[in-house]
N, C-alpha and C. Protein backbone atom coordinates (compact mmCIF):
# COMPACT_ATOMS: atom_id res chain seq x y z
N MET A 1 0.85 -1.19 0.00
CA MET A 1 0.00 0.00 0.00
C MET A 1 0.89 1.25 0.00
N PRO A 2 0.71 2.17 -0.95
CA PRO A 2 1.57 3.36 -0.98
C PRO A 2 1.29 4.26 0.22
N PRO A 3 2.30 5.02 0.65
CA PRO A 3 2.08 5.94 1.77
C PRO A 3 1.09 7.03 1.38
N LYS A 4 0.35 7.53 2.39
CA LYS A 4 -0.64 8.56 2.12
C LYS A 4 0.00 9.95 2.12
N LEU A 5 -0.51 10.80 1.23
CA LEU A 5 -0.15 12.22 1.21
C LEU A 5 -1.44 13.00 1.39
N LEU A 6 -1.57 13.71 2.51
CA LEU A 6 -2.78 14.47 2.82
C LEU A 6 -2.75 15.81 2.10
N LEU A 7 -3.79 16.10 1.33
CA LEU A 7 -3.94 17.41 0.69
C LEU A 7 -4.66 18.32 1.67
N GLY A 8 -3.94 19.27 2.22
CA GLY A 8 -4.46 20.10 3.31
C GLY A 8 -5.31 21.27 2.84
N THR A 9 -6.37 20.99 2.10
CA THR A 9 -7.29 22.03 1.64
C THR A 9 -8.68 21.43 1.47
N ASN A 10 -9.69 22.29 1.63
CA ASN A 10 -11.07 21.89 1.33
C ASN A 10 -11.55 22.50 0.02
N ASN A 11 -10.65 23.23 -0.65
CA ASN A 11 -10.99 23.87 -1.92
C ASN A 11 -11.01 22.79 -3.02
N GLN A 12 -12.21 22.49 -3.50
CA GLN A 12 -12.35 21.39 -4.46
C GLN A 12 -11.60 21.64 -5.77
N ALA A 13 -11.53 22.89 -6.20
CA ALA A 13 -10.78 23.22 -7.42
C ALA A 13 -9.29 22.96 -7.22
N LYS A 14 -8.76 23.32 -6.05
CA LYS A 14 -7.35 23.03 -5.76
C LYS A 14 -7.10 21.52 -5.70
N ILE A 15 -8.03 20.81 -5.08
CA ILE A 15 -7.87 19.35 -4.97
C ILE A 15 -7.80 18.73 -6.36
N ARG A 16 -8.67 19.18 -7.26
CA ARG A 16 -8.64 18.65 -8.64
C ARG A 16 -7.30 18.95 -9.30
N GLU A 17 -6.79 20.17 -9.11
CA GLU A 17 -5.51 20.53 -9.72
C GLU A 17 -4.38 19.66 -9.15
N TYR A 18 -4.37 19.48 -7.83
CA TYR A 18 -3.29 18.68 -7.23
C TYR A 18 -3.38 17.21 -7.65
N ARG A 19 -4.59 16.69 -7.78
CA ARG A 19 -4.71 15.29 -8.24
C ARG A 19 -4.14 15.14 -9.64
N SER A 20 -4.28 16.18 -10.46
CA SER A 20 -3.71 16.15 -11.80
C SER A 20 -2.19 16.37 -11.76
N LEU A 21 -1.77 17.38 -11.02
CA LEU A 21 -0.35 17.75 -10.98
C LEU A 21 0.51 16.68 -10.33
N LEU A 22 -0.06 15.94 -9.38
CA LEU A 22 0.73 14.95 -8.62
C LEU A 22 0.33 13.52 -8.95
N ALA A 23 -0.32 13.34 -10.09
CA ALA A 23 -0.70 11.99 -10.52
C ALA A 23 0.55 11.13 -10.70
N ASP A 24 0.40 9.84 -10.46
CA ASP A 24 1.47 8.86 -10.66
C ASP A 24 2.61 8.95 -9.65
N LEU A 25 2.40 9.70 -8.58
CA LEU A 25 3.41 9.70 -7.52
C LEU A 25 3.34 8.39 -6.75
N PRO A 26 4.42 8.02 -6.05
CA PRO A 26 4.38 6.82 -5.22
C PRO A 26 3.66 7.07 -3.90
N HIS A 27 2.57 7.81 -3.95
CA HIS A 27 1.78 8.15 -2.77
C HIS A 27 0.30 8.07 -3.12
N GLN A 28 -0.51 7.78 -2.10
CA GLN A 28 -1.96 7.83 -2.24
C GLN A 28 -2.43 9.20 -1.77
N LEU A 29 -2.98 10.01 -2.68
CA LEU A 29 -3.45 11.34 -2.31
C LEU A 29 -4.81 11.24 -1.62
N VAL A 30 -4.90 11.78 -0.41
CA VAL A 30 -6.15 11.75 0.36
C VAL A 30 -6.51 13.17 0.79
N THR A 31 -7.81 13.40 0.98
CA THR A 31 -8.29 14.72 1.36
C THR A 31 -8.64 14.77 2.85
N LEU A 32 -8.83 15.98 3.34
CA LEU A 32 -9.24 16.16 4.74
C LEU A 32 -10.56 15.44 4.99
N ALA A 33 -11.51 15.59 4.07
CA ALA A 33 -12.83 14.97 4.24
C ALA A 33 -12.70 13.45 4.29
N GLU A 34 -11.88 12.91 3.42
CA GLU A 34 -11.69 11.45 3.39
C GLU A 34 -11.08 10.92 4.68
N GLN A 35 -10.30 11.76 5.34
CA GLN A 35 -9.66 11.35 6.60
C GLN A 35 -10.49 11.76 7.82
N GLY A 36 -11.65 12.37 7.58
CA GLY A 36 -12.51 12.79 8.68
C GLY A 36 -11.98 13.96 9.47
N ILE A 37 -11.15 14.79 8.84
CA ILE A 37 -10.55 15.94 9.52
C ILE A 37 -11.37 17.19 9.22
N THR A 38 -11.86 17.83 10.26
CA THR A 38 -12.69 19.03 10.10
C THR A 38 -11.99 20.30 10.58
N THR A 39 -10.75 20.16 11.01
CA THR A 39 -9.99 21.31 11.51
C THR A 39 -9.83 22.38 10.43
N VAL A 40 -10.07 23.62 10.81
CA VAL A 40 -9.81 24.76 9.93
C VAL A 40 -8.67 25.56 10.55
N VAL A 41 -7.56 25.64 9.84
CA VAL A 41 -6.39 26.35 10.37
C VAL A 41 -6.49 27.82 9.96
N ASP A 42 -6.51 28.70 10.94
CA ASP A 42 -6.57 30.13 10.65
C ASP A 42 -5.26 30.58 10.00
N GLU A 43 -5.40 31.31 8.89
CA GLU A 43 -4.23 31.80 8.18
C GLU A 43 -3.79 33.12 8.78
N THR A 44 -3.07 33.03 9.89
CA THR A 44 -2.67 34.23 10.64
C THR A 44 -1.30 34.75 10.23
N GLY A 45 -0.62 34.05 9.33
CA GLY A 45 0.70 34.50 8.89
C GLY A 45 0.62 35.76 8.05
N LYS A 46 1.73 36.48 8.01
CA LYS A 46 1.80 37.72 7.22
C LYS A 46 2.32 37.47 5.81
N THR A 47 2.78 36.24 5.54
CA THR A 47 3.31 35.91 4.22
C THR A 47 2.71 34.58 3.77
N LEU A 48 2.82 34.31 2.46
CA LEU A 48 2.37 33.03 1.93
C LEU A 48 3.16 31.89 2.57
N GLU A 49 4.45 32.10 2.75
CA GLU A 49 5.30 31.08 3.35
C GLU A 49 4.84 30.72 4.76
N GLU A 50 4.53 31.74 5.56
CA GLU A 50 4.10 31.50 6.94
C GLU A 50 2.78 30.73 6.97
N ASN A 51 1.84 31.11 6.12
CA ASN A 51 0.54 30.44 6.11
C ASN A 51 0.65 28.99 5.64
N ALA A 52 1.43 28.74 4.60
CA ALA A 52 1.60 27.38 4.11
C ALA A 52 2.22 26.50 5.19
N ARG A 53 3.25 27.00 5.84
CA ARG A 53 3.93 26.25 6.90
C ARG A 53 2.98 25.98 8.07
N LEU A 54 2.22 27.00 8.44
CA LEU A 54 1.27 26.88 9.55
C LEU A 54 0.24 25.78 9.29
N LYS A 55 -0.34 25.78 8.11
CA LYS A 55 -1.37 24.79 7.78
C LYS A 55 -0.78 23.39 7.70
N ALA A 56 0.35 23.25 7.03
CA ALA A 56 0.94 21.93 6.83
C ALA A 56 1.36 21.29 8.15
N THR A 57 2.02 22.05 9.02
CA THR A 57 2.50 21.48 10.28
C THR A 57 1.35 21.11 11.20
N ARG A 58 0.33 21.97 11.27
CA ARG A 58 -0.82 21.68 12.13
C ARG A 58 -1.55 20.42 11.66
N LEU A 59 -1.80 20.31 10.36
CA LEU A 59 -2.55 19.17 9.83
C LEU A 59 -1.73 17.88 9.86
N ALA A 60 -0.43 18.00 9.67
CA ALA A 60 0.43 16.81 9.76
C ALA A 60 0.45 16.27 11.18
N ALA A 61 0.54 17.17 12.16
CA ALA A 61 0.55 16.74 13.56
C ALA A 61 -0.77 16.08 13.95
N GLU A 62 -1.87 16.62 13.43
CA GLU A 62 -3.18 16.08 13.77
C GLU A 62 -3.46 14.75 13.06
N SER A 63 -3.05 14.67 11.79
CA SER A 63 -3.39 13.48 10.99
C SER A 63 -2.36 12.36 11.11
N HIS A 64 -1.13 12.72 11.56
CA HIS A 64 0.00 11.77 11.59
C HIS A 64 0.35 11.30 10.18
N LEU A 65 0.11 12.18 9.19
CA LEU A 65 0.38 11.85 7.79
C LEU A 65 1.31 12.90 7.19
N LEU A 66 2.06 12.50 6.18
CA LEU A 66 2.77 13.46 5.34
C LEU A 66 1.70 14.38 4.75
N THR A 67 1.90 15.69 4.88
CA THR A 67 0.84 16.64 4.53
C THR A 67 1.36 17.73 3.61
N LEU A 68 0.56 18.04 2.61
CA LEU A 68 0.84 19.14 1.68
C LEU A 68 -0.19 20.23 1.92
N ALA A 69 0.27 21.45 2.11
CA ALA A 69 -0.64 22.59 2.21
C ALA A 69 0.00 23.76 1.49
N ASP A 70 -0.82 24.61 0.91
CA ASP A 70 -0.25 25.75 0.21
C ASP A 70 -0.94 27.04 0.61
N ASP A 71 -0.30 28.13 0.26
CA ASP A 71 -0.98 29.43 0.26
C ASP A 71 -0.60 30.09 -1.05
N SER A 72 -1.58 30.63 -1.70
CA SER A 72 -1.38 31.26 -3.00
C SER A 72 -1.93 32.68 -2.93
N GLY A 73 -1.36 33.55 -3.73
CA GLY A 73 -1.84 34.92 -3.71
C GLY A 73 -1.57 35.63 -5.02
N LEU A 74 -2.37 36.65 -5.26
CA LEU A 74 -2.19 37.54 -6.40
C LEU A 74 -1.56 38.82 -5.88
N GLU A 75 -0.47 39.24 -6.48
CA GLU A 75 0.21 40.48 -6.09
C GLU A 75 0.13 41.47 -7.24
N VAL A 76 -0.54 42.59 -7.00
CA VAL A 76 -0.76 43.61 -8.03
C VAL A 76 0.14 44.80 -7.72
N ASP A 77 1.03 45.14 -8.65
CA ASP A 77 2.02 46.18 -8.40
C ASP A 77 1.38 47.53 -8.10
N ALA A 78 0.33 47.89 -8.84
CA ALA A 78 -0.31 49.20 -8.65
C ALA A 78 -0.99 49.32 -7.29
N LEU A 79 -1.19 48.19 -6.62
CA LEU A 79 -1.81 48.18 -5.29
C LEU A 79 -0.79 47.85 -4.20
N GLY A 80 0.50 48.05 -4.52
CA GLY A 80 1.54 47.82 -3.53
C GLY A 80 1.70 46.36 -3.13
N GLY A 81 1.34 45.45 -4.04
CA GLY A 81 1.46 44.02 -3.75
C GLY A 81 0.20 43.38 -3.21
N GLU A 82 -0.85 44.18 -3.01
CA GLU A 82 -2.13 43.59 -2.58
C GLU A 82 -2.74 42.81 -3.74
N PRO A 83 -3.63 41.86 -3.44
CA PRO A 83 -4.06 41.40 -2.11
C PRO A 83 -3.10 40.44 -1.42
N GLY A 84 -2.16 39.82 -2.12
CA GLY A 84 -1.16 38.97 -1.48
C GLY A 84 -1.78 37.87 -0.64
N PRO A 85 -1.31 37.71 0.63
CA PRO A 85 -1.84 36.65 1.49
C PRO A 85 -3.33 36.80 1.80
N LEU A 86 -3.88 37.98 1.53
CA LEU A 86 -5.31 38.20 1.79
C LEU A 86 -6.18 37.95 0.56
N SER A 87 -5.60 37.33 -0.47
CA SER A 87 -6.32 37.17 -1.74
C SER A 87 -7.69 36.54 -1.58
N ALA A 88 -7.80 35.51 -0.75
CA ALA A 88 -9.08 34.80 -0.60
C ALA A 88 -10.09 35.59 0.22
N ARG A 89 -9.61 36.61 0.95
CA ARG A 89 -10.50 37.39 1.83
C ARG A 89 -10.50 38.87 1.46
N TYR A 90 -10.08 39.18 0.24
CA TYR A 90 -9.84 40.57 -0.15
C TYR A 90 -11.12 41.41 -0.10
N ALA A 91 -12.24 40.83 -0.46
CA ALA A 91 -13.50 41.58 -0.45
C ALA A 91 -14.30 41.30 0.82
N GLY A 92 -13.65 40.67 1.81
CA GLY A 92 -14.33 40.33 3.05
C GLY A 92 -14.48 38.82 3.20
N GLU A 93 -14.91 38.41 4.38
CA GLU A 93 -15.10 36.98 4.65
C GLU A 93 -16.32 36.46 3.89
N ASN A 94 -16.25 35.19 3.51
CA ASN A 94 -17.39 34.49 2.89
C ASN A 94 -17.89 35.17 1.61
N THR A 95 -16.97 35.73 0.83
CA THR A 95 -17.34 36.33 -0.45
C THR A 95 -17.01 35.37 -1.58
N SER A 96 -17.63 35.59 -2.73
CA SER A 96 -17.44 34.70 -3.88
C SER A 96 -16.23 35.15 -4.71
N ASP A 97 -15.81 34.28 -5.63
CA ASP A 97 -14.75 34.66 -6.57
C ASP A 97 -15.15 35.93 -7.31
N ARG A 98 -16.40 36.01 -7.74
CA ARG A 98 -16.86 37.18 -8.50
C ARG A 98 -16.81 38.44 -7.65
N ASP A 99 -17.17 38.32 -6.37
CA ASP A 99 -17.10 39.49 -5.47
C ASP A 99 -15.66 40.00 -5.39
N ARG A 100 -14.72 39.09 -5.26
CA ARG A 100 -13.31 39.50 -5.13
C ARG A 100 -12.80 40.12 -6.43
N ILE A 101 -13.20 39.53 -7.55
CA ILE A 101 -12.81 40.09 -8.85
C ILE A 101 -13.37 41.50 -9.02
N ASP A 102 -14.65 41.67 -8.72
CA ASP A 102 -15.29 42.99 -8.86
C ASP A 102 -14.62 44.02 -7.97
N TYR A 103 -14.28 43.62 -6.75
CA TYR A 103 -13.64 44.55 -5.82
C TYR A 103 -12.26 44.96 -6.33
N LEU A 104 -11.50 43.98 -6.82
CA LEU A 104 -10.16 44.28 -7.33
C LEU A 104 -10.23 45.19 -8.56
N LEU A 105 -11.13 44.88 -9.48
CA LEU A 105 -11.26 45.70 -10.69
C LEU A 105 -11.69 47.13 -10.35
N ALA A 106 -12.54 47.28 -9.35
CA ALA A 106 -12.97 48.62 -8.92
C ALA A 106 -11.78 49.41 -8.39
N ARG A 107 -10.89 48.76 -7.68
CA ARG A 107 -9.71 49.44 -7.15
C ARG A 107 -8.73 49.82 -8.25
N LEU A 108 -8.79 49.11 -9.38
CA LEU A 108 -7.88 49.38 -10.50
C LEU A 108 -8.55 50.18 -11.62
N ARG A 109 -9.72 50.71 -11.35
CA ARG A 109 -10.54 51.32 -12.40
C ARG A 109 -9.77 52.36 -13.22
N ASP A 110 -8.97 53.19 -12.56
CA ASP A 110 -8.27 54.28 -13.25
C ASP A 110 -6.81 53.97 -13.58
N VAL A 111 -6.43 52.71 -13.44
CA VAL A 111 -5.04 52.32 -13.71
C VAL A 111 -4.92 51.87 -15.17
N PRO A 112 -4.01 52.50 -15.94
CA PRO A 112 -3.87 52.14 -17.36
C PRO A 112 -3.24 50.76 -17.55
N TRP A 113 -3.40 50.21 -18.75
CA TRP A 113 -2.96 48.86 -19.06
C TRP A 113 -1.50 48.61 -18.68
N ALA A 114 -0.62 49.53 -19.03
CA ALA A 114 0.82 49.31 -18.82
C ALA A 114 1.18 49.20 -17.34
N ARG A 115 0.33 49.73 -16.47
CA ARG A 115 0.63 49.70 -15.03
C ARG A 115 -0.16 48.61 -14.29
N ARG A 116 -0.82 47.72 -15.03
CA ARG A 116 -1.63 46.69 -14.39
C ARG A 116 -0.86 45.37 -14.22
N THR A 117 0.46 45.50 -14.06
CA THR A 117 1.30 44.31 -13.90
C THR A 117 1.04 43.62 -12.56
N ALA A 118 1.15 42.30 -12.59
CA ALA A 118 0.85 41.51 -11.40
C ALA A 118 1.54 40.16 -11.50
N ARG A 119 1.45 39.39 -10.45
CA ARG A 119 1.98 38.02 -10.48
C ARG A 119 1.15 37.16 -9.54
N PHE A 120 0.99 35.91 -9.94
CA PHE A 120 0.46 34.89 -9.04
C PHE A 120 1.65 34.24 -8.36
N ARG A 121 1.57 34.03 -7.05
CA ARG A 121 2.61 33.30 -6.33
C ARG A 121 1.98 32.15 -5.55
N CYS A 122 2.68 31.05 -5.46
CA CYS A 122 2.23 29.91 -4.68
C CYS A 122 3.40 29.37 -3.87
N VAL A 123 3.16 29.12 -2.60
CA VAL A 123 4.14 28.44 -1.76
C VAL A 123 3.48 27.18 -1.22
N ILE A 124 4.11 26.05 -1.46
CA ILE A 124 3.64 24.75 -0.96
C ILE A 124 4.57 24.30 0.16
N ALA A 125 3.96 23.90 1.27
CA ALA A 125 4.72 23.31 2.37
C ALA A 125 4.41 21.83 2.45
N ILE A 126 5.46 21.03 2.55
CA ILE A 126 5.30 19.59 2.79
C ILE A 126 5.81 19.34 4.20
N ALA A 127 4.93 18.84 5.07
CA ALA A 127 5.29 18.62 6.46
C ALA A 127 5.14 17.16 6.85
N VAL A 128 6.06 16.69 7.66
CA VAL A 128 5.94 15.36 8.25
C VAL A 128 5.44 15.54 9.68
N PRO A 129 4.85 14.51 10.27
CA PRO A 129 4.23 14.68 11.58
C PRO A 129 5.15 15.20 12.68
N ASP A 130 6.46 14.97 12.57
CA ASP A 130 7.36 15.46 13.63
C ASP A 130 7.68 16.94 13.49
N GLY A 131 7.15 17.58 12.44
CA GLY A 131 7.29 19.03 12.32
C GLY A 131 8.26 19.50 11.25
N GLU A 132 9.03 18.58 10.65
CA GLU A 132 9.97 18.99 9.60
C GLU A 132 9.19 19.45 8.37
N VAL A 133 9.59 20.60 7.80
CA VAL A 133 8.86 21.20 6.68
C VAL A 133 9.81 21.52 5.53
N THR A 134 9.35 21.23 4.31
CA THR A 134 10.05 21.64 3.10
C THR A 134 9.14 22.59 2.32
N LEU A 135 9.69 23.70 1.86
CA LEU A 135 8.91 24.68 1.10
C LEU A 135 9.29 24.65 -0.37
N CYS A 136 8.28 24.76 -1.23
CA CYS A 136 8.47 24.88 -2.68
C CYS A 136 7.66 26.09 -3.15
N ALA A 137 8.17 26.80 -4.15
CA ALA A 137 7.48 28.02 -4.57
C ALA A 137 7.44 28.16 -6.09
N GLY A 138 6.43 28.84 -6.57
CA GLY A 138 6.30 29.14 -7.99
C GLY A 138 5.72 30.52 -8.18
N GLU A 139 6.03 31.13 -9.33
CA GLU A 139 5.57 32.49 -9.62
C GLU A 139 5.25 32.61 -11.10
N CYS A 140 4.15 33.30 -11.40
CA CYS A 140 3.70 33.48 -12.78
C CYS A 140 3.34 34.94 -13.00
N PRO A 141 4.09 35.67 -13.87
CA PRO A 141 3.80 37.09 -14.11
C PRO A 141 2.70 37.28 -15.16
N GLY A 142 2.02 38.42 -15.06
CA GLY A 142 0.97 38.74 -16.02
C GLY A 142 0.44 40.14 -15.81
N LEU A 143 -0.74 40.41 -16.32
CA LEU A 143 -1.41 41.70 -16.15
C LEU A 143 -2.87 41.47 -15.78
N ILE A 144 -3.48 42.47 -15.16
CA ILE A 144 -4.88 42.39 -14.77
C ILE A 144 -5.74 43.01 -15.86
N THR A 145 -6.67 42.26 -16.39
CA THR A 145 -7.55 42.76 -17.45
C THR A 145 -8.57 43.74 -16.88
N PHE A 146 -9.32 44.37 -17.80
CA PHE A 146 -10.36 45.32 -17.38
C PHE A 146 -11.69 44.62 -17.11
N ALA A 147 -11.82 43.38 -17.58
CA ALA A 147 -13.06 42.62 -17.37
C ALA A 147 -12.72 41.13 -17.41
N PRO A 148 -13.50 40.29 -16.72
CA PRO A 148 -13.22 38.85 -16.71
C PRO A 148 -13.40 38.23 -18.08
N ARG A 149 -12.56 37.21 -18.37
CA ARG A 149 -12.66 36.44 -19.61
C ARG A 149 -12.32 34.99 -19.32
N GLY A 150 -13.13 34.08 -19.86
CA GLY A 150 -12.81 32.66 -19.76
C GLY A 150 -13.67 31.91 -18.76
N GLU A 151 -13.77 30.61 -18.96
CA GLU A 151 -14.65 29.76 -18.15
C GLU A 151 -13.89 28.75 -17.29
N TYR A 152 -12.59 28.60 -17.51
CA TYR A 152 -11.82 27.61 -16.76
C TYR A 152 -11.30 28.23 -15.46
N GLY A 153 -10.67 27.38 -14.65
CA GLY A 153 -9.97 27.87 -13.47
C GLY A 153 -10.90 28.34 -12.37
N PHE A 154 -10.33 29.12 -11.46
CA PHE A 154 -11.09 29.63 -10.32
C PHE A 154 -10.36 30.85 -9.78
N GLY A 155 -10.91 31.46 -8.74
CA GLY A 155 -10.27 32.63 -8.13
C GLY A 155 -10.17 33.79 -9.11
N TYR A 156 -8.96 34.34 -9.20
CA TYR A 156 -8.72 35.51 -10.05
C TYR A 156 -8.33 35.14 -11.48
N ASP A 157 -8.39 33.86 -11.83
CA ASP A 157 -7.97 33.42 -13.16
C ASP A 157 -8.62 34.20 -14.31
N PRO A 158 -9.93 34.58 -14.23
CA PRO A 158 -10.56 35.27 -15.37
C PRO A 158 -10.01 36.67 -15.66
N ILE A 159 -9.28 37.27 -14.71
CA ILE A 159 -8.75 38.62 -14.96
C ILE A 159 -7.22 38.63 -14.99
N PHE A 160 -6.60 37.44 -14.99
CA PHE A 160 -5.14 37.37 -15.03
C PHE A 160 -4.69 37.02 -16.44
N TYR A 161 -4.11 38.00 -17.12
CA TYR A 161 -3.75 37.88 -18.54
C TYR A 161 -2.28 37.50 -18.69
N LEU A 162 -2.04 36.50 -19.54
CA LEU A 162 -0.69 36.04 -19.85
C LEU A 162 -0.31 36.53 -21.24
N PRO A 163 0.56 37.54 -21.35
CA PRO A 163 0.87 38.11 -22.66
C PRO A 163 1.40 37.09 -23.67
N GLU A 164 2.22 36.14 -23.22
CA GLU A 164 2.81 35.19 -24.15
C GLU A 164 1.77 34.24 -24.73
N MET A 165 0.64 34.08 -24.06
CA MET A 165 -0.43 33.21 -24.54
C MET A 165 -1.57 33.99 -25.17
N ASP A 166 -1.60 35.32 -24.95
CA ASP A 166 -2.72 36.17 -25.38
C ASP A 166 -4.05 35.62 -24.86
N ARG A 167 -4.02 35.15 -23.63
CA ARG A 167 -5.19 34.57 -22.98
C ARG A 167 -5.16 34.91 -21.50
N THR A 168 -6.34 34.92 -20.88
CA THR A 168 -6.36 34.95 -19.42
C THR A 168 -6.13 33.51 -18.94
N MET A 169 -5.81 33.38 -17.68
CA MET A 169 -5.62 32.04 -17.10
C MET A 169 -6.89 31.21 -17.25
N ALA A 170 -8.05 31.88 -17.18
CA ALA A 170 -9.33 31.16 -17.27
C ALA A 170 -9.68 30.77 -18.70
N GLU A 171 -8.91 31.24 -19.68
CA GLU A 171 -9.13 30.84 -21.08
C GLU A 171 -8.23 29.68 -21.49
N LEU A 172 -7.39 29.22 -20.56
CA LEU A 172 -6.48 28.11 -20.85
C LEU A 172 -7.11 26.80 -20.40
N SER A 173 -6.86 25.74 -21.15
CA SER A 173 -7.31 24.42 -20.71
C SER A 173 -6.57 24.08 -19.42
N PRO A 174 -7.15 23.19 -18.59
CA PRO A 174 -6.46 22.80 -17.36
C PRO A 174 -5.04 22.29 -17.61
N GLU A 175 -4.83 21.57 -18.70
CA GLU A 175 -3.50 21.02 -18.99
C GLU A 175 -2.49 22.13 -19.24
N VAL A 176 -2.90 23.14 -20.02
CA VAL A 176 -1.98 24.26 -20.31
C VAL A 176 -1.76 25.10 -19.06
N LYS A 177 -2.83 25.36 -18.32
CA LYS A 177 -2.70 26.13 -17.08
C LYS A 177 -1.72 25.46 -16.13
N ASN A 178 -1.84 24.15 -15.95
CA ASN A 178 -0.97 23.44 -15.02
C ASN A 178 0.50 23.51 -15.45
N ARG A 179 0.72 23.62 -16.74
CA ARG A 179 2.10 23.72 -17.23
C ARG A 179 2.72 25.08 -16.92
N LEU A 180 1.88 26.13 -16.91
CA LEU A 180 2.39 27.49 -16.79
C LEU A 180 2.24 28.11 -15.40
N SER A 181 1.28 27.63 -14.65
CA SER A 181 0.86 28.34 -13.45
C SER A 181 1.87 28.28 -12.31
N HIS A 182 1.70 29.20 -11.38
CA HIS A 182 2.49 29.25 -10.15
C HIS A 182 2.34 27.96 -9.35
N ARG A 183 1.11 27.42 -9.29
CA ARG A 183 0.89 26.18 -8.55
C ARG A 183 1.53 25.00 -9.27
N GLY A 184 1.47 25.02 -10.60
CA GLY A 184 2.11 23.97 -11.37
C GLY A 184 3.62 23.95 -11.16
N GLN A 185 4.23 25.13 -11.15
CA GLN A 185 5.69 25.22 -10.92
C GLN A 185 6.07 24.66 -9.56
N ALA A 186 5.33 25.09 -8.53
CA ALA A 186 5.64 24.62 -7.17
C ALA A 186 5.38 23.12 -7.04
N ALA A 187 4.30 22.65 -7.66
CA ALA A 187 3.96 21.22 -7.57
C ALA A 187 5.00 20.34 -8.25
N ARG A 188 5.63 20.84 -9.32
CA ARG A 188 6.68 20.05 -9.97
C ARG A 188 7.89 19.88 -9.04
N GLN A 189 8.18 20.91 -8.24
CA GLN A 189 9.24 20.77 -7.24
C GLN A 189 8.85 19.72 -6.19
N VAL A 190 7.59 19.77 -5.76
CA VAL A 190 7.08 18.79 -4.79
C VAL A 190 7.22 17.38 -5.36
N ARG A 191 6.82 17.23 -6.61
CA ARG A 191 6.88 15.91 -7.26
C ARG A 191 8.31 15.36 -7.24
N ARG A 192 9.29 16.21 -7.57
CA ARG A 192 10.69 15.75 -7.59
C ARG A 192 11.13 15.31 -6.20
N ILE A 193 10.73 16.07 -5.18
CA ILE A 193 11.11 15.74 -3.79
C ILE A 193 10.49 14.41 -3.38
N LEU A 194 9.20 14.22 -3.67
CA LEU A 194 8.51 13.02 -3.24
C LEU A 194 8.95 11.80 -4.04
N GLU A 195 9.28 12.01 -5.31
CA GLU A 195 9.79 10.88 -6.11
C GLU A 195 11.13 10.42 -5.56
N ARG A 196 11.98 11.38 -5.17
CA ARG A 196 13.28 11.01 -4.59
C ARG A 196 13.10 10.27 -3.27
N SER A 197 12.15 10.75 -2.45
CA SER A 197 11.93 10.12 -1.15
C SER A 197 11.39 8.70 -1.32
N GLY A 198 10.60 8.50 -2.40
CA GLY A 198 10.04 7.17 -2.66
C GLY A 198 11.08 6.18 -3.13
N GLU A 199 12.21 6.71 -3.64
CA GLU A 199 13.27 5.84 -4.13
C GLU A 199 14.22 5.41 -3.03
N GLN A 200 14.14 6.10 -1.89
CA GLN A 200 15.08 5.81 -0.81
C GLN A 200 14.64 4.60 0.01
């Protein structure tokens, strides 16, 4: 039986992406729900790194499983790097993806195209139950559009434009997005680490 790798998120879109990105690993990917874990870890860190580490270590200690947790954020230069670690709560608690997009676009209403530069960042923490943590990171540069475009993805994907593709992230197929995205970059580092550990 392969060792279990706990995906430390309840976000179903993220779970789907990780199941694709980490397919064929020498691990059985399991979710919090599948393990009966209802703990919600408050993201009290000031950086993506702190939040990822916080979630992974807490869930690994509770589950006694190798645990993967991430924190991802959109950093918009014209907003001084906001929303950053607050990306999921930028328009307030319990708001929808559309609410957050509308709020962000309203804040950028008077910002011209050339100054709408931004980046998606993802930090993944892999924690073992004794507390040891490995961090992996990825970054994807782009620009913020004036209106949402595309049906794929989630979060801010419909307003994140990739100049080299002439598409928003939400206009890319899941396969192409996973190849280019911040989460895809970080997950490939995770894959290399876990493949090496499986060979030992």
